[in-house]
Amino acid sequence: MLRLANKAAFIPGGGTGIGRACALLLAREGAQATLAGRHSGLTAY
């Protein structure tokens, strides 16, 4: 069951560390995640 379906989240620092872990968890639960970070380039999840 997707507990966060139809929800959105903005995750600063979502490319690395705890921010990345939070982004992955939110996405697994169905949230639309928008990530921001200091490093350029795309990271595949």
Protein backbone atom coordinates (compact mmCIF):
# COMPACT_ATOMS: atom_id res chain seq x y z
CA MET A 1 0.00 0.00 0.00
CA LEU A 2 1.37 3.41 -0.96
CA ARG A 3 0.86 5.53 2.13
CA LEU A 4 2.05 8.75 0.46
CA ALA A 5 0.24 8.47 -2.89
CA ASN A 6 -0.86 11.88 -4.21
CA LYS A 7 1.59 13.68 -1.88
CA ALA A 8 4.62 15.78 -2.81
CA ALA A 9 7.90 16.31 -0.97
CA PHE A 10 10.84 18.69 -1.45
CA ILE A 11 14.10 17.22 -0.18
CA PRO A 12 17.10 19.56 0.16
CA GLY A 13 20.32 17.58 0.08
CA GLY A 14 18.48 14.72 -1.62
CA GLY A 15 21.46 13.54 -3.66
CA THR A 16 23.59 12.15 -0.83
CA GLY A 17 23.51 10.76 2.69
CA ILE A 18 20.41 11.09 4.83
CA GLY A 19 18.67 13.24 2.22
CA ARG A 20 19.08 10.48 -0.37
CA ALA A 21 17.77 7.86 2.04
CA CYS A 22 14.72 10.03 2.78
CA ALA A 23 14.11 10.60 -0.93
CA LEU A 24 14.21 6.88 -1.67
CA LEU A 25 11.86 6.05 1.20
CA LEU A 26 9.38 8.74 0.20
CA ALA A 27 9.44 7.56 -3.42
CA ARG A 28 8.90 3.93 -2.37
CA GLU A 29 5.83 5.03 -0.44
CA GLY A 30 4.39 6.78 -3.50
CA ALA A 31 5.33 10.44 -2.97
CA GLN A 32 6.39 12.70 -5.83
CA ALA A 33 9.89 13.75 -4.74
CA THR A 34 11.75 16.88 -5.84
CA LEU A 35 15.43 16.89 -4.88
CA ALA A 36 17.88 19.75 -4.49
CA GLY A 37 21.59 19.63 -3.81
CA ARG A 38 24.89 21.41 -4.20
CA HIS A 39 26.47 18.99 -6.67
CA SER A 40 25.77 19.26 -10.39
CA GLY A 41 24.82 16.28 -12.52
CA LEU A 42 22.15 13.65 -12.23
CA THR A 43 22.31 10.64 -9.95
CA ALA A 44 20.42 7.52 -11.00
CA TYR A 45 18.36 5.88 -8.26
